[in-house]
Protein backbone atom coordinates (compact mmCIF):
# COMPACT_ATOMS: atom_id res chain seq x y z
CA UNK A 1 26.57 -58.13 -4.14
CA UNK A 2 26.78 -61.89 -4.56
CA UNK A 3 24.30 -62.84 -7.28
CA UNK A 4 22.57 -66.16 -7.95
CA UNK A 5 21.70 -65.89 -11.64
CA UNK A 6 19.26 -68.81 -11.46
CA UNK A 7 16.97 -67.14 -8.92
CA UNK A 8 17.83 -63.52 -9.67
CA UNK A 9 18.55 -62.94 -5.98
CA UNK A 10 21.57 -61.23 -4.47
CA UNK A 11 23.23 -61.31 -1.05
CA UNK A 12 25.19 -58.37 0.32
CA UNK A 13 28.83 -59.46 0.64
CA UNK A 14 29.61 -56.97 3.41
CA UNK A 15 26.69 -58.26 5.45
CA UNK A 16 27.42 -61.93 4.75
CA UNK A 17 31.07 -61.49 5.75
CA UNK A 18 30.34 -59.48 8.88
CA UNK A 19 31.90 -56.40 7.23
CA UNK A 20 35.17 -58.26 6.59
CA UNK A 21 34.83 -57.54 2.86
CA UNK A 22 33.30 -54.44 1.29
CA UNK A 23 31.07 -52.57 1.06
CA UNK A 24 33.23 -50.48 -1.32
CA UNK A 25 34.28 -52.44 -4.44
CA UNK A 26 37.81 -51.00 -4.35
CA UNK A 27 38.36 -52.42 -0.88
CA UNK A 28 37.02 -55.79 -2.02
CA UNK A 29 39.45 -55.96 -4.96
CA UNK A 30 42.37 -54.96 -2.71
CA UNK A 31 41.53 -58.03 -0.59
CA UNK A 32 40.59 -60.25 -3.53
CA UNK A 33 42.75 -63.35 -2.75
CA UNK A 34 41.46 -63.37 0.84
CA UNK A 35 37.90 -62.85 -0.37
CA UNK A 36 38.12 -65.74 -2.84
CA UNK A 37 39.48 -68.00 -0.09
CA UNK A 38 36.66 -66.99 2.26
CA UNK A 39 33.99 -67.33 -0.44
CA UNK A 40 35.06 -70.92 -1.11
CA UNK A 41 34.07 -71.81 2.45
CA UNK A 42 30.66 -70.11 2.41
CA UNK A 43 27.32 -71.16 0.92
CA UNK A 44 25.08 -68.08 0.84
CA UNK A 45 21.42 -68.64 1.65
CA UNK A 46 19.82 -66.72 -1.21
CA UNK A 47 16.30 -67.85 -0.31
CA UNK A 48 16.57 -66.50 3.24
CA UNK A 49 18.92 -63.57 2.83
CA UNK A 50 18.63 -62.59 -0.83
CA UNK A 51 16.98 -59.58 -2.38
CA UNK A 52 16.10 -59.15 -6.08
CA UNK A 53 19.02 -58.14 -8.26
CA UNK A 54 17.93 -55.19 -10.41
CA UNK A 55 20.32 -54.67 -13.33
CA UNK A 56 19.15 -51.11 -13.97
CA UNK A 57 20.26 -50.17 -10.45
CA UNK A 58 23.66 -51.84 -10.67
CA UNK A 59 26.96 -50.08 -11.30
CA UNK A 60 29.94 -51.36 -13.27
CA UNK A 61 31.59 -54.28 -11.42
CA UNK A 62 34.72 -52.17 -10.82
CA UNK A 63 33.28 -48.65 -10.91
CA UNK A 64 36.37 -46.67 -9.88
CA UNK A 65 39.52 -48.44 -11.09
CA UNK A 66 42.95 -46.86 -10.76
CA UNK A 67 43.62 -47.61 -14.44
CA UNK A 68 41.57 -48.43 -17.53
CA UNK A 69 43.15 -50.05 -20.59
CA UNK A 70 41.47 -50.52 -23.96
CA UNK A 71 42.85 -52.54 -26.85
CA UNK A 72 42.33 -51.54 -30.47
CA UNK A 73 42.29 -53.77 -33.57
CA UNK A 74 42.34 -56.97 -31.53
CA UNK A 75 40.24 -59.12 -33.88
CA UNK A 76 41.57 -59.76 -37.38
CA UNK A 77 38.11 -59.29 -38.89
CA UNK A 78 37.79 -55.85 -37.27
CA UNK A 79 41.24 -54.81 -38.49
CA UNK A 80 40.22 -55.99 -41.95
CA UNK A 81 36.99 -54.00 -42.00
CA UNK A 82 38.84 -50.92 -40.71
CA UNK A 83 41.49 -51.17 -43.42
CA UNK A 84 44.45 -51.65 -41.06
CA UNK A 85 47.19 -54.27 -40.99
CA UNK A 86 47.34 -56.53 -37.96
CA UNK A 87 49.30 -54.90 -35.14
CA UNK A 88 52.54 -56.63 -34.10
CA UNK A 89 51.93 -55.66 -30.46
CA UNK A 90 48.72 -54.64 -28.66
CA UNK A 91 47.40 -51.17 -29.53
CA UNK A 92 46.55 -49.52 -26.20
CA UNK A 93 44.49 -46.46 -25.28
CA UNK A 94 42.20 -45.63 -22.36
CA UNK A 95 38.59 -44.83 -21.59
CA UNK A 96 38.21 -42.29 -18.82
CA UNK A 97 36.33 -43.43 -15.71
CA UNK A 98 33.70 -40.71 -16.21
CA UNK A 99 32.35 -42.88 -19.03
CA UNK A 100 31.62 -45.85 -16.74
CA UNK A 101 28.02 -46.98 -16.28
CA UNK A 102 26.03 -49.97 -15.18
CA UNK A 103 24.58 -52.66 -17.44
CA UNK A 104 21.23 -51.07 -18.23
CA UNK A 105 20.15 -47.51 -18.81
CA UNK A 106 19.97 -44.60 -21.22
CA UNK A 107 22.81 -43.80 -23.61
CA UNK A 108 22.77 -40.08 -24.38
CA UNK A 109 24.00 -39.44 -27.92
CA UNK A 110 26.08 -36.23 -28.16
CA UNK A 111 25.63 -36.19 -31.96
CA UNK A 112 24.74 -38.46 -34.89
CA UNK A 113 28.03 -40.41 -35.24
CA UNK A 114 27.97 -42.68 -32.19
CA UNK A 115 29.00 -46.29 -32.86
CA UNK A 116 28.85 -49.58 -30.93
CA UNK A 117 31.72 -51.94 -30.01
CA UNK A 118 30.92 -55.10 -28.04
CA UNK A 119 33.82 -56.13 -25.81
CA UNK A 120 34.93 -58.69 -23.26
CA UNK A 121 36.18 -56.86 -20.16
CA UNK A 122 38.76 -58.15 -17.68
CA UNK A 123 39.05 -56.99 -14.06
CA UNK A 124 42.41 -57.48 -12.34
CA UNK A 125 42.38 -59.11 -8.90
CA UNK A 126 46.00 -58.93 -7.70
CA UNK A 127 48.92 -56.51 -8.04
CA UNK A 128 50.71 -57.49 -11.24
CA UNK A 129 54.11 -56.50 -12.61
CA UNK A 130 56.13 -58.45 -15.16
CA UNK A 131 53.64 -61.33 -15.17
CA UNK A 132 54.47 -64.28 -17.41
CA UNK A 133 51.77 -65.26 -19.87
CA UNK A 134 51.54 -68.73 -18.34
CA UNK A 135 50.61 -67.23 -14.96
CA UNK A 136 48.33 -64.45 -16.15
CA UNK A 137 44.93 -66.02 -15.34
CA UNK A 138 45.95 -66.10 -11.65
CA UNK A 139 45.78 -62.28 -11.67
CA UNK A 140 42.24 -62.06 -13.05
CA UNK A 141 39.43 -61.34 -10.60
CA UNK A 142 36.80 -62.04 -13.25
CA UNK A 143 35.26 -61.23 -16.60
CA UNK A 144 32.28 -59.10 -17.55
CA UNK A 145 30.44 -57.70 -20.57
CA UNK A 146 31.36 -54.26 -21.87
CA UNK A 147 30.56 -51.76 -24.59
CA UNK A 148 33.12 -49.34 -25.99
CA UNK A 149 30.70 -46.77 -27.40
CA UNK A 150 32.59 -44.43 -29.72
CA UNK A 151 31.82 -40.97 -31.04
CA UNK A 152 33.56 -41.30 -34.40
CA UNK A 153 33.78 -37.61 -35.34
CA UNK A 154 35.83 -36.67 -32.28
CA UNK A 155 37.70 -39.99 -32.23
CA UNK A 156 38.99 -39.53 -35.77
CA UNK A 157 39.61 -35.77 -35.64
CA UNK A 158 43.24 -34.90 -36.28
CA UNK A 159 45.99 -34.47 -36.90
CA UNK A 160 46.34 -37.09 -34.15
CA UNK A 161 43.21 -39.22 -33.49
CA UNK A 162 41.41 -38.61 -30.19
CA UNK A 163 40.61 -42.25 -29.32
CA UNK A 164 40.43 -41.89 -25.54
CA UNK A 165 38.36 -38.69 -25.54
CA UNK A 166 36.03 -39.80 -28.33
CA UNK A 167 35.22 -42.97 -26.38
CA UNK A 168 34.66 -41.35 -22.99
CA UNK A 169 31.41 -39.39 -23.07
CA UNK A 170 29.20 -40.16 -20.04
CA UNK A 171 27.74 -43.65 -20.32
CA UNK A 172 30.13 -44.74 -23.09
CA UNK A 173 31.59 -47.61 -21.01
CA UNK A 174 28.70 -49.65 -19.59
CA UNK A 175 29.71 -52.94 -17.97
CA UNK A 176 28.09 -55.81 -16.13
CA UNK A 177 25.69 -57.13 -15.13
CA UNK A 178 28.00 -59.36 -13.07
CA UNK A 179 31.67 -60.10 -12.51
CA UNK A 180 32.05 -63.81 -13.28
CA UNK A 181 35.07 -65.61 -11.89
CA UNK A 182 37.08 -67.72 -14.31
CA UNK A 183 36.36 -70.99 -12.47
CA UNK A 184 32.66 -70.61 -13.28
CA UNK A 185 33.34 -70.80 -17.04
CA UNK A 186 34.07 -74.05 -18.88
CA UNK A 187 36.15 -72.25 -21.54
CA UNK A 188 36.97 -68.71 -20.34
CA UNK A 189 39.14 -68.11 -23.42
CA UNK A 190 36.40 -69.07 -25.90
CA UNK A 191 33.11 -67.25 -25.32
CA UNK A 192 30.50 -66.24 -27.87
CA UNK A 193 30.13 -62.45 -28.13
CA UNK A 194 27.28 -60.66 -29.91
CA UNK A 195 25.66 -57.25 -30.30
CA UNK A 196 22.22 -56.35 -31.65
CA UNK A 197 20.63 -53.01 -32.53
CA UNK A 198 16.83 -53.06 -32.35
CA UNK A 199 16.98 -56.86 -32.43
CA UNK A 200 19.16 -57.07 -35.55
CA UNK A 201 22.51 -58.74 -34.99
CA UNK A 202 25.36 -56.44 -35.97
CA UNK A 203 28.29 -58.25 -34.36
CA UNK A 204 28.95 -61.92 -33.73
CA UNK A 205 32.19 -63.71 -32.93
CA UNK A 206 34.07 -65.68 -30.29
CA UNK A 207 36.69 -64.37 -27.87
CA UNK A 208 39.04 -67.16 -29.02
CA UNK A 209 39.50 -65.05 -32.17
CA UNK A 210 41.32 -62.27 -30.31
CA UNK A 211 44.69 -61.50 -31.89
CA UNK A 212 46.16 -60.95 -28.42
CA UNK A 213 44.39 -63.11 -25.84
CA UNK A 214 43.91 -62.19 -22.19
CA UNK A 215 47.16 -63.77 -20.91
CA UNK A 216 49.13 -62.02 -23.65
CA UNK A 217 47.54 -58.67 -22.81
CA UNK A 218 48.31 -59.04 -19.10
CA UNK A 219 51.90 -60.04 -19.86
CA UNK A 220 52.31 -57.06 -22.21
CA UNK A 221 50.67 -54.45 -19.98
CA UNK A 222 52.35 -55.62 -16.76
CA UNK A 223 55.68 -55.57 -18.56
CA UNK A 224 55.31 -51.81 -18.85
CA UNK A 225 53.14 -50.62 -15.94
CA UNK A 226 52.10 -51.82 -12.53
CA UNK A 227 48.60 -53.31 -12.63
CA UNK A 228 46.44 -52.83 -9.54
CA UNK A 229 43.46 -54.74 -8.14
CA UNK A 230 40.28 -53.47 -9.76
CA UNK A 231 42.02 -52.27 -12.94
CA UNK A 232 39.90 -52.78 -16.05
CA UNK A 233 40.93 -54.02 -19.51
CA UNK A 234 38.62 -53.66 -22.53
CA UNK A 235 39.97 -56.39 -24.82
CA UNK A 236 38.78 -55.19 -28.25
CA UNK A 237 35.78 -55.59 -30.55
CA UNK A 238 35.04 -57.94 -33.47
CA UNK A 239 33.83 -56.93 -36.92
CA UNK A 240 30.46 -55.32 -37.50
CA UNK A 241 30.83 -51.77 -36.20
CA UNK A 242 28.65 -49.16 -37.86
CA UNK A 243 31.46 -46.86 -38.98
CA UNK A 244 32.98 -49.56 -41.19
CA UNK A 245 29.75 -50.19 -43.10
CA UNK A 246 28.68 -48.76 -46.44
CA UNK A 247 26.55 -46.81 -45.94
CA UNK A 248 27.71 -46.02 -42.41
CA UNK A 249 25.26 -46.91 -39.66
CA UNK A 250 25.26 -44.89 -36.45
CA UNK A 251 22.97 -44.91 -33.44
CA UNK A 252 19.91 -42.69 -33.27
CA UNK A 253 17.24 -41.68 -30.79
CA UNK A 254 15.21 -44.67 -29.59
CA UNK A 255 17.65 -47.37 -30.73
CA UNK A 256 18.12 -50.27 -28.31
CA UNK A 257 21.57 -51.85 -28.13
CA UNK A 258 22.00 -55.25 -26.50
CA UNK A 259 25.40 -56.83 -25.91
CA UNK A 260 25.75 -60.45 -24.80
CA UNK A 261 28.68 -62.70 -23.93
CA UNK A 262 28.23 -66.39 -23.30
CA UNK A 263 28.18 -67.17 -19.57
CA UNK A 264 28.51 -63.52 -18.56
CA UNK A 265 25.09 -61.99 -19.25
CA UNK A 266 23.89 -58.99 -21.24
CA UNK A 267 23.91 -55.20 -21.38
CA UNK A 268 21.04 -53.09 -22.65
CA UNK A 269 21.11 -49.37 -23.50
CA UNK A 270 18.31 -47.28 -24.97
CA UNK A 271 19.62 -44.35 -26.99
CA UNK A 272 18.36 -40.80 -26.49
CA UNK A 273 19.35 -37.70 -28.40
CA UNK A 274 21.06 -35.00 -26.40
CA UNK A 275 18.55 -32.22 -25.71
């Protein structure tokens, strides 16, 4: 869907392009350079052809990526609150695709140690291998809002921590509500990011405070693996997570978590205890 945030209306890309692009997101990302070139020549008529965009019915912008990367300890303030030294290279794990969800809905809590982690999410738009940092933005399809919900008991169980599994319960990776292309943002490397629980702000920072910025992450990851169109990168969370507080603060039944990034929109999950 092609969304006009001012009116709240959306136009079906497959219909607007005469089935040239879409309807499956994976096919759209595989043709991303061609799609961007076509889109630059088209002015969608939202008033005539648009339908209301309903965030609660939307999926993640790239709902079935080939690969998902997540970066740990990527804000100095979060490393500080966690008691870790700053990593010399990006700390990488994954979130399994079964955790993906749209921007609004219910977050089922498997137990009483689920934490929040507001994150800027990158979607790759071109095949990328050994990309130089200076060229990295050319490989980005767009940016979106994400949450890296984390079940701390499983995540920190040992002897080796279970980061990927503890962060991959169903619904633990909501994203959206839109994929915003970099050209639509005045400063794509410096966006305000915030998270609230029941209206109380628990996280607040700017993406310019990342230890490893988006170009550095793309250079690092593509230096090791092949990146594919539609791949997703969770870039890390700032300070303010519940598990680093004294006393610790975890999510409970009925809590409402809202995550916002400047220029990208907001997520909203209502927590429910597992029955």
